[in-house]
Amino acid sequence: MEEVKRSGELASLADRLLDLNLISETALLEALMRRHSLPGGEFLGGQAHNPALRRLIPETLVRRASLVPVSVNTGILNMVCPDLPSEVVMTRLQMQIRLPLEFFLVTRSRYKEISTAKNPANYPIHQ
């Protein structure tokens, strides 16, 4: 429970810094990439759509975790998100999916574009 609280506080702080224009989305993304040692950046189009990916994870968990499953490569589920989900959410994801997970960080505005797209798998990961 403490991890969820801390994660929420960090997200609120990041959102507040963005709202006050004290940090850019790109600078925040770069800081999160360093903090989590994860790849991130732009997320561009070109991959075939697999509608089953959206059904792998319950919609409530997708919204709570702010992530979009985009592909399965060599048995690994690739997901796009603006920040790494909390440990609690990660545990639920692993129980639900039972596949290794890889995350690719994007800016909050890019995440909103991808998460509302009808065909998010048309945005493969490019660094």
C-alpha atoms as a PDB file:
ATOM      1  CA  MET A   1       0.000   0.000   0.000  1.00  0.00           C
ATOM      2  CA  GLU A   2       2.876   2.352   0.800  1.00  0.00           C
ATOM      3  CA  GLU A   3       4.306   1.810  -2.731  1.00  0.00           C
ATOM      4  CA  VAL A   4       0.987   2.833  -4.286  1.00  0.00           C
ATOM      5  CA  LYS A   5       0.909   5.957  -2.116  1.00  0.00           C
ATOM      6  CA  ARG A   6       4.480   6.909  -3.040  1.00  0.00           C
ATOM      7  CA  SER A   7       3.843   6.255  -6.732  1.00  0.00           C
ATOM      8  CA  GLY A   8       0.717   8.419  -6.632  1.00  0.00           C
ATOM      9  CA  GLU A   9       2.577  11.202  -4.832  1.00  0.00           C
ATOM     10  CA  LEU A  10       5.356  11.131  -7.443  1.00  0.00           C
ATOM     11  CA  ALA A  11       2.816  11.232 -10.259  1.00  0.00           C
ATOM     12  CA  SER A  12       1.051  14.166  -8.601  1.00  0.00           C
ATOM     13  CA  LEU A  13       4.350  15.989  -8.175  1.00  0.00           C
ATOM     14  CA  ALA A  14       5.279  15.366 -11.810  1.00  0.00           C
ATOM     15  CA  ASP A  15       1.855  16.560 -12.976  1.00  0.00           C
ATOM     16  CA  ARG A  16       2.139  19.663 -10.816  1.00  0.00           C
ATOM     17  CA  LEU A  17       5.613  20.488 -12.176  1.00  0.00           C
ATOM     18  CA  LEU A  18       4.261  20.095 -15.716  1.00  0.00           C
ATOM     19  CA  ASP A  19       1.207  22.241 -14.945  1.00  0.00           C
ATOM     20  CA  LEU A  20       3.450  25.024 -13.611  1.00  0.00           C
ATOM     21  CA  ASN A  21       5.770  24.725 -16.634  1.00  0.00           C
ATOM     22  CA  LEU A  22       8.694  24.062 -14.291  1.00  0.00           C
ATOM     23  CA  ILE A  23       9.697  21.030 -16.343  1.00  0.00           C
ATOM     24  CA  SER A  24       8.989  19.948 -19.903  1.00  0.00           C
ATOM     25  CA  GLU A  25       7.440  16.610 -20.780  1.00  0.00           C
ATOM     26  CA  THR A  26      10.674  15.660 -22.520  1.00  0.00           C
ATOM     27  CA  ALA A  27      12.796  16.499 -19.464  1.00  0.00           C
ATOM     28  CA  LEU A  28      10.413  14.517 -17.250  1.00  0.00           C
ATOM     29  CA  LEU A  29      10.570  11.567 -19.637  1.00  0.00           C
ATOM     30  CA  GLU A  30      14.374  11.648 -19.651  1.00  0.00           C
ATOM     31  CA  ALA A  31      14.457  11.754 -15.842  1.00  0.00           C
ATOM     32  CA  LEU A  32      12.057   8.798 -15.594  1.00  0.00           C
ATOM     33  CA  MET A  33      14.077   6.830 -18.149  1.00  0.00           C
ATOM     34  CA  ARG A  34      17.196   7.355 -16.023  1.00  0.00           C
ATOM     35  CA  ARG A  35      15.388   6.634 -12.752  1.00  0.00           C
ATOM     36  CA  HIS A  36      13.919   3.341 -13.977  1.00  0.00           C
ATOM     37  CA  SER A  37      16.724   2.414 -16.410  1.00  0.00           C
ATOM     38  CA  LEU A  38      14.098   1.929 -19.125  1.00  0.00           C
ATOM     39  CA  PRO A  39      14.023   2.789 -22.806  1.00  0.00           C
ATOM     40  CA  GLY A  40      11.768   5.572 -23.917  1.00  0.00           C
ATOM     41  CA  GLY A  41      11.209   8.290 -26.428  1.00  0.00           C
ATOM     42  CA  GLU A  42       9.074   8.641 -29.513  1.00  0.00           C
ATOM     43  CA  PHE A  43       6.650   5.921 -30.447  1.00  0.00           C
ATOM     44  CA  LEU A  44       5.950   5.792 -34.217  1.00  0.00           C
ATOM     45  CA  GLY A  45       3.623   3.871 -36.577  1.00  0.00           C
ATOM     46  CA  GLY A  46       3.953   0.810 -38.783  1.00  0.00           C
ATOM     47  CA  GLN A  47       3.185  -2.478 -36.986  1.00  0.00           C
ATOM     48  CA  ALA A  48       0.254  -4.801 -37.711  1.00  0.00           C
ATOM     49  CA  HIS A  49      -2.641  -4.491 -35.250  1.00  0.00           C
ATOM     50  CA  ASN A  50      -3.409  -7.345 -32.866  1.00  0.00           C
ATOM     51  CA  PRO A  51      -6.772  -6.650 -31.169  1.00  0.00           C
ATOM     52  CA  ALA A  52      -6.196  -9.519 -28.723  1.00  0.00           C
ATOM     53  CA  LEU A  53      -3.524  -7.470 -26.949  1.00  0.00           C
ATOM     54  CA  ARG A  54      -6.095  -5.097 -25.469  1.00  0.00           C
ATOM     55  CA  ARG A  55      -7.996  -8.092 -24.095  1.00  0.00           C
ATOM     56  CA  LEU A  56      -4.967  -9.530 -22.285  1.00  0.00           C
ATOM     57  CA  ILE A  57      -5.323  -7.027 -19.461  1.00  0.00           C
ATOM     58  CA  PRO A  58      -8.596  -5.944 -17.818  1.00  0.00           C
ATOM     59  CA  GLU A  59      -9.501  -2.389 -18.832  1.00  0.00           C
ATOM     60  CA  THR A  60      -9.638  -1.246 -15.202  1.00  0.00           C
ATOM     61  CA  LEU A  61      -6.029  -2.366 -14.684  1.00  0.00           C
ATOM     62  CA  VAL A  62      -4.939  -0.718 -17.950  1.00  0.00           C
ATOM     63  CA  ARG A  63      -6.453   2.595 -16.821  1.00  0.00           C
ATOM     64  CA  ARG A  64      -5.115   2.315 -13.277  1.00  0.00           C
ATOM     65  CA  ALA A  65      -1.608   1.499 -14.506  1.00  0.00           C
ATOM     66  CA  SER A  66      -1.700   3.988 -17.415  1.00  0.00           C
ATOM     67  CA  LEU A  67      -0.287   1.543 -19.921  1.00  0.00           C
ATOM     68  CA  VAL A  68      -1.067   0.207 -23.386  1.00  0.00           C
ATOM     69  CA  PRO A  69      -0.018  -3.269 -24.526  1.00  0.00           C
ATOM     70  CA  VAL A  70       1.435  -2.854 -28.025  1.00  0.00           C
ATOM     71  CA  SER A  71       3.133  -6.091 -29.077  1.00  0.00           C
ATOM     72  CA  VAL A  72       4.350  -9.528 -28.097  1.00  0.00           C
ATOM     73  CA  ASN A  73       7.869 -10.267 -29.319  1.00  0.00           C
ATOM     74  CA  THR A  74       9.661 -13.528 -28.503  1.00  0.00           C
ATOM     75  CA  GLY A  75       7.174 -14.214 -25.717  1.00  0.00           C
ATOM     76  CA  ILE A  76       7.555 -10.791 -24.078  1.00  0.00           C
ATOM     77  CA  LEU A  77       4.614  -8.395 -23.782  1.00  0.00           C
ATOM     78  CA  ASN A  78       5.729  -4.865 -24.713  1.00  0.00           C
ATOM     79  CA  MET A  79       3.827  -1.991 -23.154  1.00  0.00           C
ATOM     80  CA  VAL A  80       3.912   1.782 -23.490  1.00  0.00           C
ATOM     81  CA  CYS A  81       3.408   3.973 -20.430  1.00  0.00           C
ATOM     82  CA  PRO A  82       4.243   7.470 -19.138  1.00  0.00           C
ATOM     83  CA  ASP A  83       5.796   6.037 -15.939  1.00  0.00           C
ATOM     84  CA  LEU A  84       6.588   2.617 -14.529  1.00  0.00           C
ATOM     85  CA  PRO A  85       3.564   1.111 -12.722  1.00  0.00           C
ATOM     86  CA  SER A  86       3.750   0.592  -8.950  1.00  0.00           C
ATOM     87  CA  GLU A  87       4.865  -2.743  -7.493  1.00  0.00           C
ATOM     88  CA  VAL A  88       1.251  -3.576  -6.602  1.00  0.00           C
ATOM     89  CA  VAL A  89       0.126  -3.040 -10.190  1.00  0.00           C
ATOM     90  CA  MET A  90       3.161  -4.947 -11.511  1.00  0.00           C
ATOM     91  CA  THR A  91       2.244  -7.930  -9.322  1.00  0.00           C
ATOM     92  CA  ARG A  92      -1.347  -7.858 -10.606  1.00  0.00           C
ATOM     93  CA  LEU A  93      -0.139  -7.590 -14.193  1.00  0.00           C
ATOM     94  CA  GLN A  94       2.190 -10.563 -13.793  1.00  0.00           C
ATOM     95  CA  MET A  95      -0.567 -12.632 -12.155  1.00  0.00           C
ATOM     96  CA  GLN A  96      -2.996 -11.719 -14.938  1.00  0.00           C
ATOM     97  CA  ILE A  97      -0.693 -12.138 -17.935  1.00  0.00           C
ATOM     98  CA  ARG A  98       2.013 -14.621 -16.941  1.00  0.00           C
ATOM     99  CA  LEU A  99       4.330 -13.313 -19.649  1.00  0.00           C
ATOM    100  CA  PRO A 100       7.521 -11.354 -19.118  1.00  0.00           C
ATOM    101  CA  LEU A 101       6.811  -7.626 -19.391  1.00  0.00           C
ATOM    102  CA  GLU A 102       8.853  -4.866 -20.996  1.00  0.00           C
ATOM    103  CA  PHE A 103       7.995  -1.199 -20.723  1.00  0.00           C
ATOM    104  CA  PHE A 104       8.744   1.695 -23.039  1.00  0.00           C
ATOM    105  CA  LEU A 105       8.291   5.165 -21.561  1.00  0.00           C
ATOM    106  CA  VAL A 106       6.678   7.986 -23.521  1.00  0.00           C
ATOM    107  CA  THR A 107       5.622  11.524 -22.663  1.00  0.00           C
ATOM    108  CA  ARG A 108       2.229  11.971 -21.052  1.00  0.00           C
ATOM    109  CA  SER A 109       0.813  13.657 -24.167  1.00  0.00           C
ATOM    110  CA  ARG A 110       2.089  10.852 -26.417  1.00  0.00           C
ATOM    111  CA  TYR A 111       0.604   8.270 -24.040  1.00  0.00           C
ATOM    112  CA  LYS A 112      -2.788   9.998 -24.304  1.00  0.00           C
ATOM    113  CA  GLU A 113      -2.595   9.835 -28.117  1.00  0.00           C
ATOM    114  CA  ILE A 114      -1.676   6.146 -28.085  1.00  0.00           C
ATOM    115  CA  SER A 115      -4.147   5.132 -25.383  1.00  0.00           C
ATOM    116  CA  THR A 116      -7.065   6.739 -27.216  1.00  0.00           C
ATOM    117  CA  ALA A 117      -6.066   5.407 -30.653  1.00  0.00           C
ATOM    118  CA  LYS A 118      -8.305   2.706 -32.082  1.00  0.00           C
ATOM    119  CA  ASN A 119      -5.237   0.861 -33.250  1.00  0.00           C
ATOM    120  CA  PRO A 120      -2.439   1.380 -30.681  1.00  0.00           C
ATOM    121  CA  ALA A 121      -0.453  -1.531 -32.091  1.00  0.00           C
ATOM    122  CA  ASN A 122       0.083   0.606 -35.188  1.00  0.00           C
ATOM    123  CA  TYR A 123       2.633   2.480 -33.110  1.00  0.00           C
ATOM    124  CA  PRO A 124       5.686   0.224 -32.743  1.00  0.00           C
ATOM    125  CA  ILE A 125       8.493   1.167 -30.452  1.00  0.00           C
ATOM    126  CA  HIS A 126      11.383   3.188 -31.895  1.00  0.00           C
ATOM    127  CA  GLN A 127      14.125   4.834 -29.873  1.00  0.00           C
END
